[in-house]
Amino acid sequence: MYSWKMQVIYHFLLKEVDYFYIDIQYLLLMKQAILFAIYFTVAHHHFAGIPLANTNNHYQQNSFHDTSLTKIPVAREMLSEIMNVTGLQAGFELKEAKVLNVEASISHGRRYILYNPSFIAWINAVTKDKWAAMALLAHEVGHHLNGHTIRKRGSRPQLELEADEFAGFILYKLGSSLEQAQEVMIYVAKTNISKTHPARSSRMLAIQHGWNKAANAEVITGTVKNYPVLLPGKSAVN
């Protein structure tokens, strides 16, 4: 009798241990899934630098495999277009790097434009054209050509505005509308000014100033394009 009871208890305990083990495994899998979801969401939000709700909508509405993106040139081709407009030789090297988006830098006496290919692919997918990525590259070219990287003082609001103005000038020369030239700031610029970067509205005005400067220059030479020249505080004039 004692042996029979012990066997029943033994088998019961074995089943309970099996159930307990299965529950632990299930909880561990659930924990891993939750941690992965949290990591992906936070990383996605930080990388985009825009409100989380808007970021998710952009990714739902645009796919990196969107066939409309096949006509968008790669970063090296974009940089070549920018330098062709300036009439200068590129005295710097374009390299893929683990940066947030695009950066101008100097290392061991050599000048670089570093870019994150995933970010470029994302911004192209969001905007469905080349202009946002082109504006970022032109902005960094502006840092180099304006001598900002030689000073080695890091980002400053005034330096950023000078690079933005240069980008606006270049993008007009490349054929963008003012709205296309400014659109990138919706995704990379913050609403308020910081110690390193101007507010979004100031950056858009700087781009507008550069874009208008290029447009006005073509008015003088008689080669104006069919885009309105926007003057601060006034309506558009053709």
Protein backbone atom coordinates (compact mmCIF):
# COMPACT_ATOMS: atom_id res chain seq x y z
CA MET A 1 0.00 0.00 0.00
CA TYR A 2 2.77 2.43 0.92
CA SER A 3 4.64 1.66 -2.32
CA TRP A 4 1.53 2.28 -4.43
CA LYS A 5 0.91 5.67 -2.82
CA MET A 6 4.51 6.68 -3.28
CA GLN A 7 4.31 5.81 -6.97
CA VAL A 8 1.18 7.92 -7.40
CA ILE A 9 2.79 10.85 -5.63
CA TYR A 10 5.97 10.39 -7.62
CA HIS A 11 4.15 10.48 -10.99
CA PHE A 12 2.07 13.45 -9.87
CA LEU A 13 5.20 15.39 -8.92
CA LEU A 14 6.82 14.52 -12.27
CA LYS A 15 3.84 15.98 -14.13
CA GLU A 16 3.88 19.11 -11.98
CA VAL A 17 7.58 19.58 -12.65
CA ASP A 18 6.96 19.19 -16.39
CA TYR A 19 4.18 21.78 -16.27
CA PHE A 20 6.35 24.11 -14.21
CA TYR A 21 9.22 23.74 -16.71
CA ILE A 22 6.90 24.44 -19.63
CA ASP A 23 5.53 27.54 -17.85
CA ILE A 24 9.06 28.84 -17.22
CA GLN A 25 10.03 28.31 -20.87
CA TYR A 26 6.88 30.09 -22.01
CA LEU A 27 7.56 33.04 -19.69
CA LEU A 28 11.15 33.30 -20.92
CA LEU A 29 10.00 33.34 -24.55
CA MET A 30 7.40 35.98 -23.76
CA LYS A 31 10.05 38.08 -21.98
CA GLN A 32 12.38 37.87 -24.97
CA ALA A 33 9.59 38.85 -27.35
CA ILE A 34 8.61 41.84 -25.19
CA LEU A 35 12.22 43.02 -24.84
CA PHE A 36 12.76 42.73 -28.59
CA ALA A 37 9.60 44.74 -29.29
CA ILE A 38 10.68 47.46 -26.84
CA TYR A 39 14.19 47.59 -28.30
CA PHE A 40 12.92 47.84 -31.87
CA THR A 41 10.45 50.60 -30.98
CA VAL A 42 12.98 52.70 -29.06
CA ALA A 43 15.70 52.27 -31.67
CA HIS A 44 13.29 53.14 -34.45
CA HIS A 45 12.13 56.30 -32.61
CA HIS A 46 15.69 57.43 -31.81
CA PHE A 47 16.96 56.81 -35.31
CA ALA A 48 14.20 58.72 -37.06
CA GLY A 49 14.30 61.68 -34.68
CA ILE A 50 10.61 62.47 -35.24
CA PRO A 51 7.42 61.81 -33.24
CA LEU A 52 6.85 58.09 -32.78
CA ALA A 53 3.32 58.08 -34.18
CA ASN A 54 4.44 59.79 -37.37
CA THR A 55 7.41 57.45 -37.70
CA ASN A 56 5.22 54.37 -37.58
CA ASN A 57 2.87 55.83 -40.16
CA HIS A 58 5.75 56.56 -42.51
CA TYR A 59 7.02 53.01 -42.28
CA GLN A 60 3.55 51.60 -42.87
CA GLN A 61 2.94 53.78 -45.89
CA ASN A 62 6.37 53.45 -47.49
CA SER A 63 8.40 50.34 -48.20
CA PHE A 64 12.10 50.16 -48.95
CA HIS A 65 11.09 47.96 -51.88
CA ASP A 66 8.82 50.61 -53.32
CA THR A 67 9.33 50.54 -57.10
CA SER A 68 9.07 54.34 -57.21
CA LEU A 69 12.47 54.46 -55.49
CA THR A 70 14.34 52.77 -58.31
CA LYS A 71 14.89 56.13 -60.04
CA ILE A 72 16.47 57.75 -56.96
CA PRO A 73 20.27 57.96 -57.38
CA VAL A 74 22.63 56.51 -54.81
CA ALA A 75 24.56 58.76 -52.41
CA ARG A 76 27.70 58.86 -54.54
CA GLU A 77 25.74 59.96 -57.60
CA MET A 78 23.97 62.64 -55.55
CA LEU A 79 27.29 64.00 -54.31
CA SER A 80 28.60 64.07 -57.87
CA GLU A 81 25.56 66.12 -58.95
CA ILE A 82 26.14 68.58 -56.10
CA MET A 83 29.81 69.06 -56.92
CA ASN A 84 29.06 69.50 -60.63
CA VAL A 85 26.83 72.45 -59.72
CA THR A 86 29.55 74.07 -57.62
CA GLY A 87 32.13 73.70 -60.38
CA LEU A 88 34.65 72.43 -57.81
CA GLN A 89 36.49 69.18 -57.33
CA ALA A 90 35.39 67.20 -54.30
CA GLY A 91 38.25 67.54 -51.84
CA PHE A 92 36.71 64.97 -49.54
CA GLU A 93 35.77 61.31 -49.51
CA LEU A 94 32.26 59.89 -49.16
CA LYS A 95 32.13 56.89 -46.82
CA GLU A 96 29.51 54.70 -45.20
CA ALA A 97 29.73 54.90 -41.41
CA LYS A 98 27.85 54.25 -38.16
CA VAL A 99 26.49 57.79 -37.88
CA LEU A 100 22.95 58.98 -37.20
CA ASN A 101 22.40 60.35 -40.71
CA VAL A 102 25.11 62.37 -42.51
CA GLU A 103 28.17 64.13 -41.06
CA ALA A 104 31.12 66.19 -42.29
CA SER A 105 34.38 65.45 -40.51
CA ILE A 106 38.16 65.57 -40.73
CA SER A 107 40.32 62.64 -39.66
CA HIS A 108 44.12 62.45 -39.92
CA GLY A 109 44.16 65.47 -42.19
CA ARG A 110 41.61 64.04 -44.62
CA ARG A 111 38.10 65.38 -45.13
CA TYR A 112 35.12 63.03 -45.17
CA ILE A 113 31.38 63.03 -45.60
CA LEU A 114 30.12 60.10 -43.56
CA TYR A 115 26.65 58.73 -44.14
CA ASN A 116 24.38 56.02 -42.81
CA PRO A 117 23.02 54.08 -45.81
CA SER A 118 20.03 52.83 -43.81
CA PHE A 119 19.02 56.38 -42.96
CA ILE A 120 19.39 57.48 -46.59
CA ALA A 121 17.21 54.55 -47.68
CA TRP A 122 14.64 55.47 -45.04
CA ILE A 123 14.46 59.18 -45.92
CA ASN A 124 14.16 58.30 -49.61
CA ALA A 125 11.31 55.93 -48.80
CA VAL A 126 9.51 58.51 -46.67
CA THR A 127 9.74 61.34 -49.20
CA LYS A 128 9.66 59.17 -52.35
CA ASP A 129 12.25 61.36 -54.08
CA LYS A 130 15.91 62.31 -53.83
CA TRP A 131 15.63 65.85 -52.48
CA ALA A 132 15.77 65.21 -48.74
CA ALA A 133 18.90 63.08 -49.03
CA MET A 134 20.32 65.57 -51.52
CA ALA A 135 19.73 68.41 -49.05
CA LEU A 136 21.54 66.52 -46.28
CA LEU A 137 24.55 65.86 -48.50
CA ALA A 138 24.61 69.46 -49.76
CA HIS A 139 24.43 70.67 -46.15
CA GLU A 140 27.54 68.68 -45.22
CA VAL A 141 29.34 69.85 -48.36
CA GLY A 142 28.52 73.36 -47.18
CA HIS A 143 30.24 72.68 -43.86
CA HIS A 144 33.43 71.67 -45.68
CA LEU A 145 33.40 74.48 -48.25
CA ASN A 146 32.62 77.12 -45.60
CA GLY A 147 35.58 75.95 -43.51
CA HIS A 148 33.46 74.84 -40.57
CA THR A 149 35.19 71.49 -40.17
CA ILE A 150 38.63 73.10 -40.05
CA ARG A 151 37.67 75.06 -36.91
CA LYS A 152 36.99 71.83 -34.99
CA ARG A 153 34.49 73.49 -32.68
CA GLY A 154 31.61 71.15 -33.40
CA SER A 155 28.10 72.20 -34.39
CA ARG A 156 26.88 75.73 -33.65
CA PRO A 157 23.52 77.24 -34.65
CA GLN A 158 25.10 79.89 -36.89
CA LEU A 159 27.30 77.36 -38.68
CA GLU A 160 24.30 75.11 -39.27
CA LEU A 161 22.36 78.01 -40.79
CA GLU A 162 25.24 78.77 -43.16
CA ALA A 163 25.29 75.14 -44.29
CA ASP A 164 21.49 75.18 -44.68
CA GLU A 165 21.68 78.29 -46.85
CA PHE A 166 24.29 76.61 -49.02
CA ALA A 167 22.03 73.55 -49.34
CA GLY A 168 19.11 75.72 -50.44
CA PHE A 169 21.28 77.41 -53.06
CA ILE A 170 22.50 74.07 -54.43
CA LEU A 171 19.08 72.46 -54.50
CA TYR A 172 17.66 75.30 -56.57
CA LYS A 173 20.52 74.80 -59.02
CA LEU A 174 19.69 71.12 -59.18
CA GLY A 175 16.04 71.82 -59.98
CA SER A 176 14.14 71.37 -56.73
CA SER A 177 11.19 73.45 -55.61
CA LEU A 178 11.50 75.37 -52.35
CA GLU A 179 9.18 72.90 -50.62
CA GLN A 180 11.35 69.98 -51.77
CA ALA A 181 14.48 71.73 -50.52
CA GLN A 182 12.94 72.37 -47.10
CA GLU A 183 11.15 69.05 -46.59
CA VAL A 184 14.14 67.32 -44.98
CA MET A 185 13.87 69.62 -41.96
CA ILE A 186 10.54 68.04 -41.05
CA TYR A 187 12.47 64.87 -40.27
CA VAL A 188 15.86 66.00 -38.93
CA ALA A 189 15.31 69.39 -37.25
CA LYS A 190 13.81 69.93 -33.82
CA THR A 191 11.15 72.53 -33.11
CA ASN A 192 13.24 74.45 -30.57
CA ILE A 193 16.79 75.78 -30.73
CA SER A 194 19.58 73.92 -28.91
CA LYS A 195 23.23 74.66 -28.13
CA THR A 196 24.27 73.00 -31.38
CA HIS A 197 21.37 73.43 -33.82
CA PRO A 198 18.84 76.14 -34.72
CA ALA A 199 15.09 75.67 -34.52
CA ARG A 200 13.35 74.07 -37.49
CA SER A 201 11.72 77.35 -38.58
CA SER A 202 15.11 79.12 -38.67
CA ARG A 203 16.64 76.35 -40.72
CA MET A 204 13.80 76.44 -43.22
CA LEU A 205 14.28 80.20 -43.58
CA ALA A 206 18.00 79.70 -44.19
CA ILE A 207 17.24 77.18 -46.93
CA GLN A 208 14.72 79.63 -48.39
CA HIS A 209 17.33 82.38 -48.36
CA GLY A 210 19.83 80.23 -50.25
CA TRP A 211 17.18 79.00 -52.67
CA ASN A 212 16.05 82.59 -53.36
CA LYS A 213 19.65 83.75 -53.80
CA ALA A 214 20.14 81.18 -56.56
CA ALA A 215 16.78 82.08 -58.13
CA ASN A 216 17.55 85.81 -58.08
CA ALA A 217 20.96 85.18 -59.63
CA GLU A 218 19.28 83.46 -62.55
CA VAL A 219 16.80 86.31 -62.89
CA ILE A 220 19.74 88.67 -63.38
CA THR A 221 21.33 86.41 -66.00
CA GLY A 222 18.00 85.85 -67.76
CA THR A 223 17.83 82.10 -67.10
CA VAL A 224 15.16 81.97 -64.41
CA LYS A 225 13.21 78.73 -63.97
CA ASN A 226 9.46 78.44 -63.60
CA TYR A 227 9.52 78.52 -59.80
CA PRO A 228 8.18 81.45 -57.74
CA VAL A 229 10.73 83.52 -55.87
CA LEU A 230 9.55 83.76 -52.27
CA LEU A 231 10.44 86.95 -50.40
CA PRO A 232 10.26 87.09 -46.58
CA GLY A 233 6.94 88.57 -45.48
CA LYS A 234 5.56 88.73 -49.00
CA SER A 235 3.51 86.48 -51.23
CA ALA A 236 5.12 84.52 -54.02
CA VAL A 237 5.99 86.40 -57.19
CA ASN A 238 6.75 84.83 -60.52
